[in-house]
Structures are given as structure tokens and as C-alpha cells.
């Protein structure tokens, strides 16, 4: 759970983001903008990192690797960039 606590500590919520990859587990479309409100619970993040988004009046969990921050602070952008880098290198839990 090291990644979870690192990201939870470094990411400042809320922020706006854009969906950069389609994930069939959630109905968010590619290039759709969303409001990211918090890290998903630890139970959602045992095998991947998820964040909760506000979408059409609902709260959904979406993979962190599926979004790109638009208006987040530098520390948030760096932490999400670290996660994206780790995932792109083919690392898994």
C-alpha cells in the first residue's frame, strides 16, 4: 500500500482532469473532463490506484492511469506523473 499512501499524501483534491484512456469498467469517454474529488478507498486500490470522480451526479472510481490533471498543483501533477511512469514501465502489484 506504499503507492496508495504516497499518492494520498501528495495529491491535493479536488482538481479537474481529462480522460486519456478508455476503461471499460467506467462509462467516462475518452477526452471527457471530470472533477476528481479524492482517492478511492484502500479496498479499491489493492491491485491498481483509483480516484473518485464526480460524474453525472454520481461518484465513480476510475483508474488514476486513465486521467491527466488539468488544473492541479505542481505536487499533484508530479505524483500522478510518477504513477503514470510506473504503470507505463509495465509494473504491477
PDB file of N, CA and C in Angstrom:
ATOM      1  N   UNK A   1       0.809  -1.203   0.000  1.00  0.00           N
ATOM      2  CA  UNK A   1       0.000   0.000   0.000  1.00  0.00           C
ATOM      3  C   UNK A   1       0.857   1.275   0.000  1.00  0.00           C
ATOM      4  N   UNK A   2       2.153   1.111  -0.231  1.00  0.00           N
ATOM      5  CA  UNK A   2       3.031   2.266  -0.262  1.00  0.00           C
ATOM      6  C   UNK A   2       2.618   3.309  -1.280  1.00  0.00           C
ATOM      7  N   UNK A   3       2.260   2.864  -2.480  1.00  0.00           N
ATOM      8  CA  UNK A   3       1.821   3.788  -3.516  1.00  0.00           C
ATOM      9  C   UNK A   3       0.571   4.545  -3.062  1.00  0.00           C
ATOM     10  N   UNK A   4      -0.350   3.829  -2.464  1.00  0.00           N
ATOM     11  CA  UNK A   4      -1.598   4.451  -2.026  1.00  0.00           C
ATOM     12  C   UNK A   4      -1.308   5.613  -1.073  1.00  0.00           C
ATOM     13  N   UNK A   5      -0.489   5.356  -0.068  1.00  0.00           N
ATOM     14  CA  UNK A   5      -0.210   6.398   0.928  1.00  0.00           C
ATOM     15  C   UNK A   5       0.618   7.539   0.346  1.00  0.00           C
ATOM     16  N   UNK A   6       1.534   7.232  -0.558  1.00  0.00           N
ATOM     17  CA  UNK A   6       2.301   8.276  -1.230  1.00  0.00           C
ATOM     18  C   UNK A   6       1.366   9.200  -2.008  1.00  0.00           C
ATOM     19  N   UNK A   7       0.494   8.602  -2.834  1.00  0.00           N
ATOM     20  CA  UNK A   7      -0.413   9.401  -3.654  1.00  0.00           C
ATOM     21  C   UNK A   7      -1.414  10.179  -2.800  1.00  0.00           C
ATOM     22  N   UNK A   8      -1.955   9.523  -1.787  1.00  0.00           N
ATOM     23  CA  UNK A   8      -2.924  10.174  -0.910  1.00  0.00           C
ATOM     24  C   UNK A   8      -2.297  11.373  -0.195  1.00  0.00           C
ATOM     25  N   UNK A   9      -1.023  11.275   0.132  1.00  0.00           N
ATOM     26  CA  UNK A   9      -0.324  12.361   0.810  1.00  0.00           C
ATOM     27  C   UNK A   9       0.025  13.504  -0.140  1.00  0.00           C
ATOM     28  N   UNK A  10       0.350  13.201  -1.387  1.00  0.00           N
ATOM     29  CA  UNK A  10       0.850  14.207  -2.326  1.00  0.00           C
ATOM     30  C   UNK A  10      -0.229  14.886  -3.165  1.00  0.00           C
ATOM     31  N   UNK A  11      -1.342  14.189  -3.418  1.00  0.00           N
ATOM     32  CA  UNK A  11      -2.372  14.742  -4.308  1.00  0.00           C
ATOM     33  C   UNK A  11      -3.310  15.643  -3.523  1.00  0.00           C
ATOM     34  N   UNK A  12      -3.520  16.852  -4.044  1.00  0.00           N
ATOM     35  CA  UNK A  12      -4.464  17.811  -3.459  1.00  0.00           C
ATOM     36  C   UNK A  12      -5.769  17.758  -4.247  1.00  0.00           C
ATOM     37  N   UNK A  13      -6.845  17.532  -3.548  1.00  0.00           N
ATOM     38  CA  UNK A  13      -8.169  17.431  -4.162  1.00  0.00           C
ATOM     39  C   UNK A  13      -8.993  18.650  -3.777  1.00  0.00           C
ATOM     40  N   UNK A  14      -9.991  19.002  -4.563  1.00  0.00           N
ATOM     41  CA  UNK A  14     -10.348  18.462  -5.872  1.00  0.00           C
ATOM     42  C   UNK A  14      -9.533  19.116  -6.971  1.00  0.00           C
ATOM     43  N   UNK A  15      -9.558  18.502  -8.155  1.00  0.00           N
ATOM     44  CA  UNK A  15      -8.969  19.098  -9.349  1.00  0.00           C
ATOM     45  C   UNK A  15      -9.693  18.539 -10.565  1.00  0.00           C
ATOM     46  N   UNK A  16      -9.566  19.250 -11.662  1.00  0.00           N
ATOM     47  CA  UNK A  16     -10.174  18.801 -12.913  1.00  0.00           C
ATOM     48  C   UNK A  16      -9.159  18.004 -13.700  1.00  0.00           C
ATOM     49  N   UNK A  17      -9.676  17.037 -14.449  1.00  0.00           N
ATOM     50  CA  UNK A  17      -8.813  16.165 -15.246  1.00  0.00           C
ATOM     51  C   UNK A  17      -9.535  15.791 -16.529  1.00  0.00           C
ATOM     52  N   UNK A  18      -8.769  15.238 -17.442  1.00  0.00           N
ATOM     53  CA  UNK A  18      -9.337  14.740 -18.691  1.00  0.00           C
ATOM     54  C   UNK A  18      -9.021  13.259 -18.789  1.00  0.00           C
ATOM     55  N   UNK A  19      -9.957  12.513 -19.329  1.00  0.00           N
ATOM     56  CA  UNK A  19      -9.771  11.077 -19.510  1.00  0.00           C
ATOM     57  C   UNK A  19      -8.846  10.846 -20.708  1.00  0.00           C
ATOM     58  N   UNK A  20      -7.719  10.168 -20.466  1.00  0.00           N
ATOM     59  CA  UNK A  20      -6.731   9.971 -21.535  1.00  0.00           C
ATOM     60  C   UNK A  20      -6.712   8.544 -22.069  1.00  0.00           C
ATOM     61  N   UNK A  21      -7.464   7.651 -21.432  1.00  0.00           N
ATOM     62  CA  UNK A  21      -7.605   6.291 -21.961  1.00  0.00           C
ATOM     63  C   UNK A  21      -8.941   5.734 -21.523  1.00  0.00           C
ATOM     64  N   UNK A  22      -9.578   5.015 -22.419  1.00  0.00           N
ATOM     65  CA  UNK A  22     -10.893   4.443 -22.139  1.00  0.00           C
ATOM     66  C   UNK A  22     -10.742   3.195 -21.306  1.00  0.00           C
ATOM     67  N   UNK A  23     -11.525   3.112 -20.252  1.00  0.00           N
ATOM     68  CA  UNK A  23     -11.543   1.940 -19.382  1.00  0.00           C
ATOM     69  C   UNK A  23     -12.965   1.395 -19.386  1.00  0.00           C
ATOM     70  N   UNK A  24     -13.131   0.158 -19.793  1.00  0.00           N
ATOM     71  CA  UNK A  24     -14.477  -0.397 -19.942  1.00  0.00           C
ATOM     72  C   UNK A  24     -15.205  -0.582 -18.617  1.00  0.00           C
ATOM     73  N   UNK A  25     -14.500  -0.409 -17.508  1.00  0.00           N
ATOM     74  CA  UNK A  25     -15.147  -0.536 -16.196  1.00  0.00           C
ATOM     75  C   UNK A  25     -15.949   0.695 -15.815  1.00  0.00           C
ATOM     76  N   UNK A  26     -15.697   1.830 -16.474  1.00  0.00           N
ATOM     77  CA  UNK A  26     -16.407   3.071 -16.155  1.00  0.00           C
ATOM     78  C   UNK A  26     -16.926   3.714 -17.440  1.00  0.00           C
ATOM     79  N   UNK A  27     -18.052   4.438 -17.351  1.00  0.00           N
ATOM     80  CA  UNK A  27     -18.671   4.993 -18.568  1.00  0.00           C
ATOM     81  C   UNK A  27     -18.081   6.311 -19.052  1.00  0.00           C
ATOM     82  N   UNK A  28     -16.990   6.769 -18.497  1.00  0.00           N
ATOM     83  CA  UNK A  28     -16.381   8.029 -18.910  1.00  0.00           C
ATOM     84  C   UNK A  28     -15.741   7.842 -20.284  1.00  0.00           C
ATOM     85  N   UNK A  29     -15.971   8.802 -21.152  1.00  0.00           N
ATOM     86  CA  UNK A  29     -15.468   8.733 -22.525  1.00  0.00           C
ATOM     87  C   UNK A  29     -14.070   9.345 -22.641  1.00  0.00           C
ATOM     88  N   UNK A  30     -13.337   8.911 -23.635  1.00  0.00           N
ATOM     89  CA  UNK A  30     -12.033   9.458 -23.949  1.00  0.00           C
ATOM     90  C   UNK A  30     -12.167  10.965 -24.186  1.00  0.00           C
ATOM     91  N   UNK A  31     -11.265  11.750 -23.622  1.00  0.00           N
ATOM     92  CA  UNK A  31     -11.216  13.215 -23.713  1.00  0.00           C
ATOM     93  C   UNK A  31     -12.306  13.925 -22.915  1.00  0.00           C
ATOM     94  N   UNK A  32     -13.105  13.194 -22.166  1.00  0.00           N
ATOM     95  CA  UNK A  32     -14.124  13.817 -21.327  1.00  0.00           C
ATOM     96  C   UNK A  32     -13.461  14.419 -20.084  1.00  0.00           C
ATOM     97  N   UNK A  33     -13.914  15.604 -19.692  1.00  0.00           N
ATOM     98  CA  UNK A  33     -13.388  16.241 -18.486  1.00  0.00           C
ATOM     99  C   UNK A  33     -14.199  15.806 -17.272  1.00  0.00           C
ATOM    100  N   UNK A  34     -13.496  15.594 -16.173  1.00  0.00           N
ATOM    101  CA  UNK A  34     -14.130  15.151 -14.933  1.00  0.00           C
ATOM    102  C   UNK A  34     -13.557  15.935 -13.761  1.00  0.00           C
ATOM    103  N   UNK A  35     -14.276  15.918 -12.655  1.00  0.00           N
ATOM    104  CA  UNK A  35     -13.794  16.511 -11.411  1.00  0.00           C
ATOM    105  C   UNK A  35     -13.352  15.377 -10.498  1.00  0.00           C
ATOM    106  N   UNK A  36     -12.088  15.388 -10.117  1.00  0.00           N
ATOM    107  CA  UNK A  36     -11.518  14.358  -9.255  1.00  0.00           C
ATOM    108  C   UNK A  36     -11.641  14.844  -7.812  1.00  0.00           C
ATOM    109  N   UNK A  37     -12.306  14.036  -6.961  1.00  0.00           N
ATOM    110  CA  UNK A  37     -12.630  14.523  -5.625  1.00  0.00           C
ATOM    111  C   UNK A  37     -11.808  13.906  -4.503  1.00  0.00           C
ATOM    112  N   UNK A  38     -11.285  12.677  -4.692  1.00  0.00           N
ATOM    113  CA  UNK A  38     -10.492  12.051  -3.636  1.00  0.00           C
ATOM    114  C   UNK A  38      -9.909  10.737  -4.130  1.00  0.00           C
ATOM    115  N   UNK A  39      -8.981  10.194  -3.336  1.00  0.00           N
ATOM    116  CA  UNK A  39      -8.518   8.833  -3.594  1.00  0.00           C
ATOM    117  C   UNK A  39      -9.675   7.897  -3.278  1.00  0.00           C
ATOM    118  N   UNK A  40      -9.816   6.852  -4.058  1.00  0.00           N
ATOM    119  CA  UNK A  40     -10.788   5.817  -3.723  1.00  0.00           C
ATOM    120  C   UNK A  40     -10.299   5.102  -2.471  1.00  0.00           C
ATOM    121  N   UNK A  41     -11.185   4.391  -1.811  1.00  0.00           N
ATOM    122  CA  UNK A  41     -10.812   3.686  -0.595  1.00  0.00           C
ATOM    123  C   UNK A  41      -9.707   2.667  -0.833  1.00  0.00           C
ATOM    124  N   UNK A  42      -9.000   2.345   0.229  1.00  0.00           N
ATOM    125  CA  UNK A  42      -7.893   1.390   0.139  1.00  0.00           C
ATOM    126  C   UNK A  42      -8.331   0.069  -0.490  1.00  0.00           C
ATOM    127  N   UNK A  43      -9.555  -0.362  -0.222  1.00  0.00           N
ATOM    128  CA  UNK A  43     -10.040  -1.636  -0.764  1.00  0.00           C
ATOM    129  C   UNK A  43     -10.128  -1.625  -2.288  1.00  0.00           C
ATOM    130  N   UNK A  44     -10.306  -0.445  -2.892  1.00  0.00           N
ATOM    131  CA  UNK A  44     -10.311  -0.331  -4.347  1.00  0.00           C
ATOM    132  C   UNK A  44      -8.898  -0.351  -4.923  1.00  0.00           C
ATOM    133  N   UNK A  45      -7.921  -0.073  -4.104  1.00  0.00           N
ATOM    134  CA  UNK A  45      -6.563   0.159  -4.593  1.00  0.00           C
ATOM    135  C   UNK A  45      -5.588  -0.962  -4.247  1.00  0.00           C
ATOM    136  N   UNK A  46      -6.077  -2.155  -4.083  1.00  0.00           N
ATOM    137  CA  UNK A  46      -5.190  -3.266  -3.758  1.00  0.00           C
ATOM    138  C   UNK A  46      -4.374  -3.743  -4.960  1.00  0.00           C
ATOM    139  N   UNK A  47      -4.897  -3.532  -6.188  1.00  0.00           N
ATOM    140  CA  UNK A  47      -4.215  -4.011  -7.391  1.00  0.00           C
ATOM    141  C   UNK A  47      -3.981  -2.920  -8.429  1.00  0.00           C
ATOM    142  N   UNK A  48      -4.481  -1.730  -8.171  1.00  0.00           N
ATOM    143  CA  UNK A  48      -4.344  -0.587  -9.069  1.00  0.00           C
ATOM    144  C   UNK A  48      -4.717   0.646  -8.251  1.00  0.00           C
ATOM    145  N   UNK A  49      -4.329   1.817  -8.695  1.00  0.00           N
ATOM    146  CA  UNK A  49      -4.691   3.041  -7.996  1.00  0.00           C
ATOM    147  C   UNK A  49      -5.921   3.659  -8.664  1.00  0.00           C
ATOM    148  N   UNK A  50      -6.930   3.957  -7.856  1.00  0.00           N
ATOM    149  CA  UNK A  50      -8.177   4.557  -8.322  1.00  0.00           C
ATOM    150  C   UNK A  50      -8.419   5.867  -7.587  1.00  0.00           C
ATOM    151  N   UNK A  51      -9.074   6.789  -8.288  1.00  0.00           N
ATOM    152  CA  UNK A  51      -9.549   8.025  -7.680  1.00  0.00           C
ATOM    153  C   UNK A  51     -11.051   8.108  -7.906  1.00  0.00           C
ATOM    154  N   UNK A  52     -11.731   8.815  -7.013  1.00  0.00           N
ATOM    155  CA  UNK A  52     -13.163   9.028  -7.163  1.00  0.00           C
ATOM    156  C   UNK A  52     -13.385  10.308  -7.955  1.00  0.00           C
ATOM    157  N   UNK A  53     -14.321  10.230  -8.885  1.00  0.00           N
ATOM    158  CA  UNK A  53     -14.690  11.391  -9.685  1.00  0.00           C
ATOM    159  C   UNK A  53     -16.172  11.669  -9.500  1.00  0.00           C
ATOM    160  N   UNK A  54     -16.529  12.912  -9.681  1.00  0.00           N
ATOM    161  CA  UNK A  54     -17.929  13.296  -9.715  1.00  0.00           C
ATOM    162  C   UNK A  54     -18.340  13.271 -11.183  1.00  0.00           C
ATOM    163  N   UNK A  55     -19.346  12.464 -11.502  1.00  0.00           N
ATOM    164  CA  UNK A  55     -19.742  12.282 -12.901  1.00  0.00           C
ATOM    165  C   UNK A  55     -21.253  12.126 -12.977  1.00  0.00           C
ATOM    166  N   UNK A  56     -21.922  13.039 -13.645  1.00  0.00           N
ATOM    167  CA  UNK A  56     -23.380  12.999 -13.837  1.00  0.00           C
ATOM    168  C   UNK A  56     -24.132  12.773 -12.528  1.00  0.00           C
ATOM    169  N   UNK A  57     -23.720  13.487 -11.481  1.00  0.00           N
ATOM    170  CA  UNK A  57     -24.394  13.393 -10.197  1.00  0.00           C
ATOM    171  C   UNK A  57     -24.053  12.153  -9.387  1.00  0.00           C
ATOM    172  N   UNK A  58     -23.095  11.367  -9.858  1.00  0.00           N
ATOM    173  CA  UNK A  58     -22.684  10.147  -9.166  1.00  0.00           C
ATOM    174  C   UNK A  58     -21.202  10.240  -8.827  1.00  0.00           C
ATOM    175  N   UNK A  59     -20.766   9.400  -7.899  1.00  0.00           N
ATOM    176  CA  UNK A  59     -19.347   9.260  -7.605  1.00  0.00           C
ATOM    177  C   UNK A  59     -18.892   7.924  -8.152  1.00  0.00           C
ATOM    178  N   UNK A  60     -17.884   7.964  -9.024  1.00  0.00           N
ATOM    179  CA  UNK A  60     -17.344   6.756  -9.646  1.00  0.00           C
ATOM    180  C   UNK A  60     -15.858   6.640  -9.344  1.00  0.00           C
ATOM    181  N   UNK A  61     -15.374   5.419  -9.254  1.00  0.00           N
ATOM    182  CA  UNK A  61     -13.938   5.168  -9.138  1.00  0.00           C
ATOM    183  C   UNK A  61     -13.384   4.930 -10.528  1.00  0.00           C
ATOM    184  N   UNK A  62     -12.272   5.595 -10.849  1.00  0.00           N
ATOM    185  CA  UNK A  62     -11.642   5.460 -12.164  1.00  0.00           C
ATOM    186  C   UNK A  62     -10.143   5.238 -11.942  1.00  0.00           C
ATOM    187  N   UNK A  63      -9.508   4.422 -12.773  1.00  0.00           N
ATOM    188  CA  UNK A  63      -8.063   4.225 -12.614  1.00  0.00           C
ATOM    189  C   UNK A  63      -7.305   5.549 -12.749  1.00  0.00           C
ATOM    190  N   UNK A  64      -6.386   5.784 -11.854  1.00  0.00           N
ATOM    191  CA  UNK A  64      -5.584   7.005 -11.891  1.00  0.00           C
ATOM    192  C   UNK A  64      -4.798   7.112 -13.199  1.00  0.00           C
ATOM    193  N   UNK A  65      -4.398   5.985 -13.760  1.00  0.00           N
ATOM    194  CA  UNK A  65      -3.651   5.997 -15.018  1.00  0.00           C
ATOM    195  C   UNK A  65      -4.509   6.443 -16.196  1.00  0.00           C
ATOM    196  N   UNK A  66      -5.832   6.526 -16.009  1.00  0.00           N
ATOM    197  CA  UNK A  66      -6.750   6.899 -17.081  1.00  0.00           C
ATOM    198  C   UNK A  66      -7.011   8.390 -17.174  1.00  0.00           C
ATOM    199  N   UNK A  67      -6.420   9.170 -16.262  1.00  0.00           N
ATOM    200  CA  UNK A  67      -6.691  10.608 -16.273  1.00  0.00           C
ATOM    201  C   UNK A  67      -5.407  11.423 -16.315  1.00  0.00           C
ATOM    202  N   UNK A  68      -5.561  12.646 -16.820  1.00  0.00           N
ATOM    203  CA  UNK A  68      -4.472  13.624 -16.828  1.00  0.00           C
ATOM    204  C   UNK A  68      -5.000  14.883 -16.148  1.00  0.00           C
ATOM    205  N   UNK A  69      -4.310  15.356 -15.109  1.00  0.00           N
ATOM    206  CA  UNK A  69      -4.789  16.563 -14.427  1.00  0.00           C
ATOM    207  C   UNK A  69      -4.709  17.788 -15.328  1.00  0.00           C
ATOM    208  N   UNK A  70      -5.696  18.671 -15.185  1.00  0.00           N
ATOM    209  CA  UNK A  70      -5.727  19.898 -15.977  1.00  0.00           C
ATOM    210  C   UNK A  70      -5.325  21.118 -15.156  1.00  0.00           C
ATOM    211  N   UNK A  71      -5.811  21.197 -13.932  1.00  0.00           N
ATOM    212  CA  UNK A  71      -5.575  22.400 -13.131  1.00  0.00           C
ATOM    213  C   UNK A  71      -5.040  22.069 -11.740  1.00  0.00           C
ATOM    214  N   UNK A  72      -4.340  20.974 -11.621  1.00  0.00           N
ATOM    215  CA  UNK A  72      -3.802  20.551 -10.332  1.00  0.00           C
ATOM    216  C   UNK A  72      -2.497  21.291 -10.016  1.00  0.00           C
ATOM    217  N   UNK A  73      -2.174  21.351  -8.729  1.00  0.00           N
ATOM    218  CA  UNK A  73      -0.925  21.992  -8.330  1.00  0.00           C
ATOM    219  C   UNK A  73       0.272  21.124  -8.743  1.00  0.00           C
ATOM    220  N   UNK A  74       1.459  21.678  -8.619  1.00  0.00           N
ATOM    221  CA  UNK A  74       2.680  21.014  -9.090  1.00  0.00           C
ATOM    222  C   UNK A  74       2.926  19.684  -8.387  1.00  0.00           C
ATOM    223  N   UNK A  75       2.698  19.627  -7.084  1.00  0.00           N
ATOM    224  CA  UNK A  75       2.928  18.393  -6.329  1.00  0.00           C
ATOM    225  C   UNK A  75       1.967  17.286  -6.778  1.00  0.00           C
ATOM    226  N   UNK A  76       0.727  17.655  -7.040  1.00  0.00           N
ATOM    227  CA  UNK A  76      -0.263  16.693  -7.542  1.00  0.00           C
ATOM    228  C   UNK A  76       0.140  16.187  -8.918  1.00  0.00           C
ATOM    229  N   UNK A  77       0.530  17.092  -9.798  1.00  0.00           N
ATOM    230  CA  UNK A  77       0.949  16.690 -11.145  1.00  0.00           C
ATOM    231  C   UNK A  77       2.156  15.769 -11.096  1.00  0.00           C
ATOM    232  N   UNK A  78       3.093  16.064 -10.211  1.00  0.00           N
ATOM    233  CA  UNK A  78       4.283  15.224 -10.088  1.00  0.00           C
ATOM    234  C   UNK A  78       3.915  13.823  -9.591  1.00  0.00           C
ATOM    235  N   UNK A  79       3.070  13.738  -8.581  1.00  0.00           N
ATOM    236  CA  UNK A  79       2.679  12.437  -8.029  1.00  0.00           C
ATOM    237  C   UNK A  79       1.937  11.600  -9.064  1.00  0.00           C
ATOM    238  N   UNK A  80       1.028  12.220  -9.794  1.00  0.00           N
ATOM    239  CA  UNK A  80       0.294  11.486 -10.831  1.00  0.00           C
ATOM    240  C   UNK A  80       1.250  11.092 -11.952  1.00  0.00           C
ATOM    241  N   UNK A  81       2.174  11.970 -12.300  1.00  0.00           N
ATOM    242  CA  UNK A  81       3.194  11.644 -13.294  1.00  0.00           C
ATOM    243  C   UNK A  81       4.053  10.469 -12.864  1.00  0.00           C
ATOM    244  N   UNK A  82       4.381  10.397 -11.578  1.00  0.00           N
ATOM    245  CA  UNK A  82       5.141   9.259 -11.053  1.00  0.00           C
ATOM    246  C   UNK A  82       4.367   7.959 -11.251  1.00  0.00           C
ATOM    247  N   UNK A  83       3.067   7.996 -10.951  1.00  0.00           N
ATOM    248  CA  UNK A  83       2.235   6.794 -11.114  1.00  0.00           C
ATOM    249  C   UNK A  83       2.149   6.397 -12.592  1.00  0.00           C
ATOM    250  N   UNK A  84       1.921   7.375 -13.469  1.00  0.00           N
ATOM    251  CA  UNK A  84       1.848   7.092 -14.910  1.00  0.00           C
ATOM    252  C   UNK A  84       3.151   6.444 -15.393  1.00  0.00           C
ATOM    253  N   UNK A  85       4.275   6.973 -14.948  1.00  0.00           N
ATOM    254  CA  UNK A  85       5.577   6.424 -15.331  1.00  0.00           C
ATOM    255  C   UNK A  85       5.707   4.975 -14.865  1.00  0.00           C
ATOM    256  N   UNK A  86       5.333   4.711 -13.634  1.00  0.00           N
ATOM    257  CA  UNK A  86       5.436   3.362 -13.059  1.00  0.00           C
ATOM    258  C   UNK A  86       4.578   2.375 -13.854  1.00  0.00           C
ATOM    259  N   UNK A  87       3.362   2.793 -14.201  1.00  0.00           N
ATOM    260  CA  UNK A  87       2.454   1.931 -14.962  1.00  0.00           C
ATOM    261  C   UNK A  87       2.987   1.704 -16.379  1.00  0.00           C
ATOM    262  N   UNK A  88       3.458   2.758 -17.027  1.00  0.00           N
ATOM    263  CA  UNK A  88       3.963   2.631 -18.409  1.00  0.00           C
ATOM    264  C   UNK A  88       5.187   1.732 -18.496  1.00  0.00           C
ATOM    265  N   UNK A  89       5.907   1.583 -17.403  1.00  0.00           N
ATOM    266  CA  UNK A  89       7.063   0.692 -17.382  1.00  0.00           C
ATOM    267  C   UNK A  89       6.643  -0.772 -17.248  1.00  0.00           C
ATOM    268  N   UNK A  90       5.327  -1.010 -17.134  1.00  0.00           N
ATOM    269  CA  UNK A  90       4.824  -2.370 -17.070  1.00  0.00           C
ATOM    270  C   UNK A  90       4.768  -2.955 -15.676  1.00  0.00           C
ATOM    271  N   UNK A  91       4.963  -2.125 -14.674  1.00  0.00           N
ATOM    272  CA  UNK A  91       4.916  -2.600 -13.294  1.00  0.00           C
ATOM    273  C   UNK A  91       3.477  -2.886 -12.863  1.00  0.00           C
ATOM    274  N   UNK A  92       3.301  -3.905 -12.060  1.00  0.00           N
ATOM    275  CA  UNK A  92       2.005  -4.244 -11.488  1.00  0.00           C
ATOM    276  C   UNK A  92       2.202  -4.669 -10.042  1.00  0.00           C
ATOM    277  N   UNK A  93       1.122  -4.695  -9.304  1.00  0.00           N
ATOM    278  CA  UNK A  93       1.176  -5.157  -7.912  1.00  0.00           C
ATOM    279  C   UNK A  93       1.209  -6.666  -7.891  1.00  0.00           C
TER     280      UNK A  93
END
